Amino acid sequence: MTPEILDQITEMVGIVPPEEYLSLLQDYPEVLQSVNRAIDDSESEGTVADVELIRNPLCILEINREARVDSVLEPDGTEFYWPEQLMIIGETGAGDYYCIDVDQQVTGVMQFDHHSVGFEVIADSLNEFVEMLEDTFSGEWSEEDETDE
């Protein structure tokens, strides 16, 4: 990540992103760089590095800017503005975001659901999130995995 982009992200979220996340971007898992997201394994939907765990720092900056431009309506009709300390690190491809709390008040990786306008911790750490993505996109994940826990 260039110093200029890191400075812009830091200004946007109010603090330098955690070292664990910056290290992950520098040592990005090879499998996630190349595994395709499309069911037919074509390149039509890009790679996991393009969407679920964005590798390109400029794209990370842009998606965080987009989330902070406008408010969205919560189910009760009140306006919701993206919290400054939550940094988007990827998206589901269906309108939801994956994010981390740069203040580290909430650990792990959260998923923002745009329908309920709510957050849920889906992985207790970045490493667990990476493992989840590797399992999901390498075909090793199944619904049984969720029910076994």
N, C-alpha and C. Protein backbone atom coordinates (compact mmCIF):
# COMPACT_ATOMS: atom_id res chain seq x y z
N MET A 1 0.86 -1.17 0.00
CA MET A 1 0.00 0.00 0.00
C MET A 1 0.90 1.23 0.00
N THR A 2 0.64 2.14 -0.90
CA THR A 2 1.47 3.33 -0.96
C THR A 2 1.22 4.20 0.27
N PRO A 3 2.21 4.99 0.66
CA PRO A 3 2.01 5.89 1.81
C PRO A 3 0.84 6.86 1.60
N GLU A 4 0.64 7.30 0.35
CA GLU A 4 -0.45 8.25 0.07
C GLU A 4 -1.82 7.61 0.31
N ILE A 5 -2.00 6.39 -0.16
CA ILE A 5 -3.28 5.70 0.03
C ILE A 5 -3.47 5.37 1.50
N LEU A 6 -2.42 4.92 2.18
CA LEU A 6 -2.52 4.64 3.61
C LEU A 6 -2.89 5.90 4.37
N ASP A 7 -2.31 7.03 4.02
CA ASP A 7 -2.66 8.30 4.67
C ASP A 7 -4.14 8.65 4.46
N GLN A 8 -4.64 8.44 3.25
CA GLN A 8 -6.04 8.75 2.96
C GLN A 8 -6.98 7.83 3.72
N ILE A 9 -6.65 6.55 3.78
CA ILE A 9 -7.48 5.60 4.54
C ILE A 9 -7.43 5.95 6.02
N THR A 10 -6.23 6.26 6.52
CA THR A 10 -6.07 6.62 7.93
C THR A 10 -6.90 7.86 8.27
N GLU A 11 -6.88 8.84 7.40
CA GLU A 11 -7.68 10.05 7.63
C GLU A 11 -9.18 9.72 7.63
N MET A 12 -9.59 8.84 6.76
CA MET A 12 -11.01 8.48 6.64
C MET A 12 -11.51 7.72 7.86
N VAL A 13 -10.71 6.76 8.35
CA VAL A 13 -11.16 5.92 9.46
C VAL A 13 -10.68 6.41 10.82
N GLY A 14 -9.85 7.43 10.81
CA GLY A 14 -9.44 8.05 12.07
C GLY A 14 -8.26 7.42 12.76
N ILE A 15 -7.70 6.36 12.21
CA ILE A 15 -6.56 5.68 12.83
C ILE A 15 -5.89 4.80 11.77
N VAL A 16 -4.62 4.52 11.94
CA VAL A 16 -3.92 3.62 11.02
C VAL A 16 -4.55 2.23 11.15
N PRO A 17 -4.88 1.59 10.04
CA PRO A 17 -5.45 0.24 10.12
C PRO A 17 -4.51 -0.70 10.88
N PRO A 18 -5.06 -1.73 11.52
CA PRO A 18 -4.23 -2.65 12.30
C PRO A 18 -3.11 -3.28 11.48
N GLU A 19 -1.97 -3.47 12.12
CA GLU A 19 -0.80 -4.05 11.46
C GLU A 19 -1.13 -5.43 10.88
N GLU A 20 -1.96 -6.18 11.57
CA GLU A 20 -2.35 -7.51 11.08
C GLU A 20 -2.99 -7.41 9.69
N TYR A 21 -3.82 -6.39 9.49
CA TYR A 21 -4.47 -6.22 8.20
C TYR A 21 -3.48 -5.75 7.14
N LEU A 22 -2.62 -4.80 7.49
CA LEU A 22 -1.63 -4.31 6.53
C LEU A 22 -0.67 -5.42 6.13
N SER A 23 -0.30 -6.28 7.07
CA SER A 23 0.56 -7.42 6.77
C SER A 23 -0.14 -8.40 5.84
N LEU A 24 -1.43 -8.60 6.06
CA LEU A 24 -2.21 -9.49 5.20
C LEU A 24 -2.20 -8.99 3.76
N LEU A 25 -2.34 -7.68 3.57
CA LEU A 25 -2.31 -7.13 2.22
C LEU A 25 -0.94 -7.33 1.57
N GLN A 26 0.13 -7.22 2.36
CA GLN A 26 1.47 -7.39 1.81
C GLN A 26 1.79 -8.84 1.50
N ASP A 27 1.24 -9.74 2.30
CA ASP A 27 1.49 -11.17 2.12
C ASP A 27 0.15 -11.85 1.80
N TYR A 28 -0.50 -11.35 0.76
CA TYR A 28 -1.85 -11.80 0.40
C TYR A 28 -1.81 -13.26 -0.04
N PRO A 29 -2.75 -14.09 0.46
CA PRO A 29 -2.75 -15.52 0.12
C PRO A 29 -2.87 -15.76 -1.40
N GLU A 30 -1.95 -16.52 -1.91
CA GLU A 30 -1.89 -16.81 -3.34
C GLU A 30 -3.19 -17.40 -3.87
N VAL A 31 -3.78 -18.33 -3.13
CA VAL A 31 -4.99 -18.99 -3.62
C VAL A 31 -6.13 -17.99 -3.82
N LEU A 32 -6.25 -16.99 -2.96
CA LEU A 32 -7.33 -16.01 -3.09
C LEU A 32 -7.09 -15.04 -4.24
N GLN A 33 -5.85 -14.92 -4.66
CA GLN A 33 -5.54 -14.06 -5.81
C GLN A 33 -5.99 -14.69 -7.12
N SER A 34 -6.04 -16.01 -7.13
CA SER A 34 -6.30 -16.69 -8.39
C SER A 34 -7.63 -17.42 -8.46
N VAL A 35 -8.25 -17.73 -7.33
CA VAL A 35 -9.50 -18.50 -7.37
C VAL A 35 -10.64 -17.61 -7.89
N ASN A 36 -11.36 -18.13 -8.87
CA ASN A 36 -12.47 -17.39 -9.47
C ASN A 36 -13.73 -17.53 -8.64
N ARG A 37 -14.55 -16.50 -8.67
CA ARG A 37 -15.78 -16.46 -7.89
C ARG A 37 -16.96 -17.11 -8.60
N ALA A 38 -16.93 -17.20 -9.92
CA ALA A 38 -18.06 -17.72 -10.70
C ALA A 38 -18.23 -19.22 -10.47
N ILE A 39 -19.48 -19.65 -10.45
CA ILE A 39 -19.79 -21.07 -10.25
C ILE A 39 -19.15 -21.93 -11.32
N ASP A 40 -19.12 -21.44 -12.55
CA ASP A 40 -18.55 -22.21 -13.65
C ASP A 40 -17.03 -22.05 -13.74
N ASP A 41 -16.41 -21.43 -12.73
CA ASP A 41 -14.97 -21.21 -12.64
C ASP A 41 -14.43 -20.33 -13.76
N SER A 42 -15.32 -19.54 -14.36
CA SER A 42 -14.86 -18.59 -15.38
C SER A 42 -14.34 -17.34 -14.68
N GLU A 43 -13.77 -16.46 -15.45
CA GLU A 43 -13.25 -15.21 -14.89
C GLU A 43 -14.29 -14.10 -14.92
N SER A 44 -15.54 -14.43 -15.25
CA SER A 44 -16.57 -13.41 -15.44
C SER A 44 -16.89 -12.62 -14.18
N GLU A 45 -16.72 -13.20 -13.01
CA GLU A 45 -17.04 -12.50 -11.77
C GLU A 45 -15.81 -12.08 -10.99
N GLY A 46 -14.63 -12.24 -11.59
CA GLY A 46 -13.40 -11.86 -10.93
C GLY A 46 -12.92 -12.88 -9.92
N THR A 47 -11.98 -12.47 -9.12
CA THR A 47 -11.40 -13.35 -8.10
C THR A 47 -11.83 -12.87 -6.72
N VAL A 48 -11.54 -13.70 -5.73
CA VAL A 48 -11.82 -13.32 -4.34
C VAL A 48 -11.07 -12.04 -3.99
N ALA A 49 -9.87 -11.87 -4.54
CA ALA A 49 -9.07 -10.67 -4.29
C ALA A 49 -9.70 -9.41 -4.87
N ASP A 50 -10.64 -9.59 -5.80
CA ASP A 50 -11.35 -8.45 -6.39
C ASP A 50 -12.57 -8.05 -5.56
N VAL A 51 -13.11 -8.99 -4.78
CA VAL A 51 -14.41 -8.74 -4.14
C VAL A 51 -14.39 -9.02 -2.63
N GLU A 52 -14.34 -10.28 -2.23
CA GLU A 52 -14.53 -10.65 -0.82
C GLU A 52 -13.45 -10.13 0.11
N LEU A 53 -12.23 -10.15 -0.32
CA LEU A 53 -11.11 -9.60 0.46
C LEU A 53 -10.26 -8.80 -0.51
N ILE A 54 -10.64 -7.56 -0.66
CA ILE A 54 -10.05 -6.71 -1.70
C ILE A 54 -8.55 -6.54 -1.46
N ARG A 55 -7.79 -6.82 -2.49
CA ARG A 55 -6.33 -6.72 -2.40
C ARG A 55 -5.82 -5.36 -2.84
N ASN A 56 -6.46 -4.74 -3.80
CA ASN A 56 -5.99 -3.49 -4.38
C ASN A 56 -6.28 -2.32 -3.42
N PRO A 57 -5.24 -1.66 -2.90
CA PRO A 57 -5.45 -0.56 -1.94
C PRO A 57 -6.32 0.58 -2.48
N LEU A 58 -6.20 0.89 -3.76
CA LEU A 58 -7.03 1.94 -4.34
C LEU A 58 -8.50 1.55 -4.31
N CYS A 59 -8.80 0.28 -4.57
CA CYS A 59 -10.19 -0.20 -4.50
C CYS A 59 -10.71 -0.18 -3.06
N ILE A 60 -9.82 -0.48 -2.10
CA ILE A 60 -10.21 -0.40 -0.69
C ILE A 60 -10.59 1.04 -0.34
N LEU A 61 -9.77 1.97 -0.78
CA LEU A 61 -10.05 3.38 -0.53
C LEU A 61 -11.38 3.79 -1.15
N GLU A 62 -11.62 3.40 -2.39
CA GLU A 62 -12.84 3.79 -3.09
C GLU A 62 -14.09 3.21 -2.46
N ILE A 63 -14.07 1.95 -2.06
CA ILE A 63 -15.27 1.34 -1.48
C ILE A 63 -15.58 1.98 -0.13
N ASN A 64 -14.54 2.37 0.61
CA ASN A 64 -14.77 3.05 1.89
C ASN A 64 -15.32 4.46 1.67
N ARG A 65 -14.85 5.12 0.64
CA ARG A 65 -15.41 6.44 0.30
C ARG A 65 -16.88 6.33 -0.07
N GLU A 66 -17.21 5.36 -0.92
CA GLU A 66 -18.60 5.16 -1.36
C GLU A 66 -19.54 4.95 -0.19
N ALA A 67 -19.12 4.13 0.77
CA ALA A 67 -19.98 3.82 1.92
C ALA A 67 -20.24 5.05 2.79
N ARG A 68 -19.36 6.02 2.73
CA ARG A 68 -19.47 7.20 3.58
C ARG A 68 -20.12 8.39 2.90
N VAL A 69 -20.47 8.26 1.63
CA VAL A 69 -21.05 9.38 0.87
C VAL A 69 -22.45 9.73 1.35
N ASP A 70 -23.31 8.72 1.45
CA ASP A 70 -24.71 8.95 1.80
C ASP A 70 -25.12 8.08 2.97
N SER A 71 -26.26 8.39 3.51
CA SER A 71 -26.84 7.54 4.54
C SER A 71 -27.75 6.51 3.87
N VAL A 72 -28.09 5.48 4.62
CA VAL A 72 -29.10 4.52 4.19
C VAL A 72 -30.17 4.49 5.27
N LEU A 73 -31.36 4.08 4.89
CA LEU A 73 -32.45 4.02 5.86
C LEU A 73 -32.44 2.70 6.59
N GLU A 74 -32.53 2.80 7.91
CA GLU A 74 -32.69 1.60 8.72
C GLU A 74 -34.14 1.14 8.60
N PRO A 75 -34.42 -0.10 8.99
CA PRO A 75 -35.81 -0.60 8.90
C PRO A 75 -36.83 0.30 9.61
N ASP A 76 -36.41 1.00 10.66
CA ASP A 76 -37.36 1.87 11.37
C ASP A 76 -37.46 3.26 10.75
N GLY A 77 -36.73 3.49 9.65
CA GLY A 77 -36.81 4.76 8.94
C GLY A 77 -35.78 5.79 9.32
N THR A 78 -34.95 5.52 10.34
CA THR A 78 -33.91 6.47 10.71
C THR A 78 -32.72 6.32 9.76
N GLU A 79 -31.95 7.40 9.66
CA GLU A 79 -30.80 7.39 8.77
C GLU A 79 -29.60 6.72 9.45
N PHE A 80 -28.91 5.92 8.70
CA PHE A 80 -27.71 5.24 9.18
C PHE A 80 -26.52 5.75 8.36
N TYR A 81 -25.51 6.24 9.05
CA TYR A 81 -24.26 6.66 8.41
C TYR A 81 -23.17 5.68 8.78
N TRP A 82 -22.33 5.36 7.80
CA TRP A 82 -21.27 4.38 8.04
C TRP A 82 -20.38 4.86 9.17
N PRO A 83 -20.15 4.00 10.20
CA PRO A 83 -19.28 4.38 11.32
C PRO A 83 -17.84 4.60 10.87
N GLU A 84 -17.26 5.70 11.30
CA GLU A 84 -15.91 6.08 10.89
C GLU A 84 -14.89 4.98 11.15
N GLN A 85 -14.97 4.31 12.31
CA GLN A 85 -13.95 3.35 12.70
C GLN A 85 -14.07 1.99 12.01
N LEU A 86 -15.13 1.79 11.24
CA LEU A 86 -15.28 0.51 10.55
C LEU A 86 -14.76 0.63 9.12
N MET A 87 -13.74 -0.15 8.85
CA MET A 87 -13.09 -0.12 7.55
C MET A 87 -13.55 -1.32 6.72
N ILE A 88 -14.06 -1.04 5.55
CA ILE A 88 -14.51 -2.09 4.65
C ILE A 88 -13.29 -2.74 4.02
N ILE A 89 -13.26 -4.08 4.08
CA ILE A 89 -12.13 -4.82 3.51
C ILE A 89 -12.58 -5.69 2.33
N GLY A 90 -13.88 -5.78 2.12
CA GLY A 90 -14.41 -6.58 1.02
C GLY A 90 -15.91 -6.50 0.99
N GLU A 91 -16.50 -7.22 0.07
CA GLU A 91 -17.95 -7.26 -0.05
C GLU A 91 -18.40 -8.64 -0.47
N THR A 92 -19.67 -8.91 -0.29
CA THR A 92 -20.19 -10.24 -0.61
C THR A 92 -20.51 -10.40 -2.08
N GLY A 93 -20.66 -9.31 -2.78
CA GLY A 93 -21.10 -9.36 -4.16
C GLY A 93 -22.61 -9.24 -4.26
N ALA A 94 -23.27 -9.17 -3.10
CA ALA A 94 -24.73 -9.06 -3.05
C ALA A 94 -25.17 -7.81 -2.28
N GLY A 95 -24.25 -6.84 -2.14
CA GLY A 95 -24.61 -5.59 -1.48
C GLY A 95 -24.21 -5.47 -0.03
N ASP A 96 -23.63 -6.51 0.53
CA ASP A 96 -23.18 -6.46 1.92
C ASP A 96 -21.67 -6.29 1.96
N TYR A 97 -21.17 -5.75 3.07
CA TYR A 97 -19.73 -5.49 3.21
C TYR A 97 -19.12 -6.37 4.29
N TYR A 98 -17.83 -6.66 4.14
CA TYR A 98 -17.01 -7.23 5.21
C TYR A 98 -16.17 -6.08 5.73
N CYS A 99 -16.06 -5.97 7.05
CA CYS A 99 -15.31 -4.85 7.62
C CYS A 99 -14.61 -5.25 8.91
N ILE A 100 -13.66 -4.40 9.29
CA ILE A 100 -12.96 -4.55 10.56
C ILE A 100 -13.09 -3.25 11.33
N ASP A 101 -13.02 -3.35 12.64
CA ASP A 101 -13.06 -2.19 13.52
C ASP A 101 -11.61 -1.76 13.77
N VAL A 102 -11.20 -0.63 13.19
CA VAL A 102 -9.82 -0.19 13.35
C VAL A 102 -9.50 0.22 14.79
N ASP A 103 -10.52 0.56 15.58
CA ASP A 103 -10.32 0.85 17.00
C ASP A 103 -10.17 -0.44 17.81
N GLN A 104 -10.51 -1.55 17.19
CA GLN A 104 -10.43 -2.89 17.77
C GLN A 104 -11.30 -3.04 19.02
N GLN A 105 -12.41 -2.28 19.04
CA GLN A 105 -13.42 -2.49 20.09
C GLN A 105 -14.17 -3.79 19.82
N VAL A 106 -14.33 -4.09 18.53
CA VAL A 106 -14.90 -5.36 18.10
C VAL A 106 -13.78 -6.08 17.36
N THR A 107 -13.47 -7.29 17.79
CA THR A 107 -12.40 -8.04 17.14
C THR A 107 -12.97 -8.90 16.02
N GLY A 108 -12.11 -9.27 15.14
CA GLY A 108 -12.52 -10.13 14.04
C GLY A 108 -13.06 -9.37 12.86
N VAL A 109 -13.78 -10.09 12.02
CA VAL A 109 -14.35 -9.53 10.80
C VAL A 109 -15.86 -9.56 10.92
N MET A 110 -16.48 -8.43 10.60
CA MET A 110 -17.93 -8.31 10.64
C MET A 110 -18.49 -8.27 9.23
N GLN A 111 -19.73 -8.72 9.12
CA GLN A 111 -20.46 -8.57 7.87
C GLN A 111 -21.59 -7.59 8.11
N PHE A 112 -21.67 -6.59 7.24
CA PHE A 112 -22.74 -5.61 7.29
C PHE A 112 -23.84 -6.07 6.35
N ASP A 113 -25.04 -6.24 6.89
CA ASP A 113 -26.21 -6.64 6.10
C ASP A 113 -26.98 -5.38 5.72
N HIS A 114 -27.04 -5.10 4.43
CA HIS A 114 -27.68 -3.85 3.99
C HIS A 114 -29.21 -3.90 4.13
N HIS A 115 -29.80 -5.08 4.25
CA HIS A 115 -31.25 -5.17 4.43
C HIS A 115 -31.65 -4.82 5.87
N SER A 116 -30.96 -5.43 6.83
CA SER A 116 -31.28 -5.17 8.23
C SER A 116 -30.52 -3.97 8.77
N VAL A 117 -29.55 -3.48 8.00
CA VAL A 117 -28.66 -2.39 8.40
C VAL A 117 -28.06 -2.74 9.76
N GLY A 118 -27.44 -3.92 9.79
CA GLY A 118 -26.83 -4.41 11.02
C GLY A 118 -25.53 -5.14 10.74
N PHE A 119 -24.79 -5.39 11.80
CA PHE A 119 -23.49 -6.03 11.73
C PHE A 119 -23.50 -7.34 12.50
N GLU A 120 -22.74 -8.30 11.99
CA GLU A 120 -22.58 -9.58 12.67
C GLU A 120 -21.13 -10.00 12.53
N VAL A 121 -20.52 -10.42 13.64
CA VAL A 121 -19.15 -10.94 13.59
C VAL A 121 -19.22 -12.31 12.93
N ILE A 122 -18.51 -12.48 11.83
CA ILE A 122 -18.54 -13.76 11.11
C ILE A 122 -17.24 -14.54 11.24
N ALA A 123 -16.19 -13.88 11.72
CA ALA A 123 -14.90 -14.54 11.95
C ALA A 123 -14.23 -13.85 13.12
N ASP A 124 -13.64 -14.62 14.01
CA ASP A 124 -13.02 -14.05 15.21
C ASP A 124 -11.68 -13.38 14.94
N SER A 125 -11.13 -13.57 13.74
CA SER A 125 -9.86 -12.94 13.39
C SER A 125 -9.76 -12.85 11.88
N LEU A 126 -8.80 -12.06 11.42
CA LEU A 126 -8.55 -11.99 9.98
C LEU A 126 -8.09 -13.35 9.44
N ASN A 127 -7.27 -14.05 10.22
CA ASN A 127 -6.81 -15.37 9.79
C ASN A 127 -7.99 -16.32 9.61
N GLU A 128 -8.92 -16.29 10.54
CA GLU A 128 -10.11 -17.15 10.42
C GLU A 128 -10.94 -16.76 9.19
N PHE A 129 -11.02 -15.47 8.91
CA PHE A 129 -11.75 -15.00 7.73
C PHE A 129 -11.08 -15.50 6.45
N VAL A 130 -9.76 -15.42 6.40
CA VAL A 130 -9.02 -15.91 5.23
C VAL A 130 -9.26 -17.41 5.07
N GLU A 131 -9.19 -18.16 6.16
CA GLU A 131 -9.43 -19.61 6.10
C GLU A 131 -10.85 -19.90 5.60
N MET A 132 -11.82 -19.12 6.07
CA MET A 132 -13.20 -19.30 5.63
C MET A 132 -13.31 -19.07 4.11
N LEU A 133 -12.67 -18.02 3.62
CA LEU A 133 -12.70 -17.75 2.18
C LEU A 133 -11.99 -18.85 1.40
N GLU A 134 -10.85 -19.29 1.89
CA GLU A 134 -10.13 -20.37 1.20
C GLU A 134 -10.99 -21.62 1.14
N ASP A 135 -11.62 -21.99 2.24
CA ASP A 135 -12.49 -23.17 2.27
C ASP A 135 -13.68 -23.01 1.34
N THR A 136 -14.31 -21.83 1.39
CA THR A 136 -15.51 -21.59 0.58
C THR A 136 -15.20 -21.65 -0.90
N PHE A 137 -14.14 -20.98 -1.32
CA PHE A 137 -13.88 -20.87 -2.74
C PHE A 137 -13.02 -22.00 -3.30
N SER A 138 -12.50 -22.85 -2.43
CA SER A 138 -11.80 -24.03 -2.93
C SER A 138 -12.73 -25.23 -2.96
N GLY A 139 -14.00 -25.00 -2.55
CA GLY A 139 -15.00 -26.07 -2.60
C GLY A 139 -15.01 -26.96 -1.38
N GLU A 140 -14.28 -26.59 -0.33
CA GLU A 140 -14.21 -27.42 0.86
C GLU A 140 -15.29 -27.12 1.88
N TRP A 141 -16.00 -26.01 1.73
CA TRP A 141 -17.03 -25.61 2.68
C TRP A 141 -18.36 -26.24 2.28
N SER A 142 -19.16 -26.58 3.27
CA SER A 142 -20.52 -27.06 3.01
C SER A 142 -21.41 -26.57 4.15
N GLU A 143 -22.72 -26.68 3.95
CA GLU A 143 -23.65 -26.26 5.01
C GLU A 143 -23.45 -27.08 6.27
N GLU A 144 -22.96 -28.33 6.12
CA GLU A 144 -22.70 -29.17 7.28
C GLU A 144 -21.65 -28.54 8.19
N ASP A 145 -20.67 -27.84 7.61
CA ASP A 145 -19.64 -27.19 8.41
C ASP A 145 -20.24 -26.22 9.39
N GLU A 146 -21.27 -25.50 8.97
CA GLU A 146 -21.92 -24.54 9.86
C GLU A 146 -22.69 -25.22 10.96
N THR A 147 -23.33 -26.34 10.67
CA THR A 147 -24.15 -27.03 11.67
C THR A 147 -23.32 -27.85 12.62
N ASP A 148 -22.07 -28.19 12.24
CA ASP A 148 -21.21 -28.97 13.11
C ASP A 148 -20.68 -28.15 14.29
N GLU A 149 -20.71 -26.84 14.18
CA GLU A 149 -20.11 -26.00 15.23
C GLU A 149 -20.99 -25.87 16.43
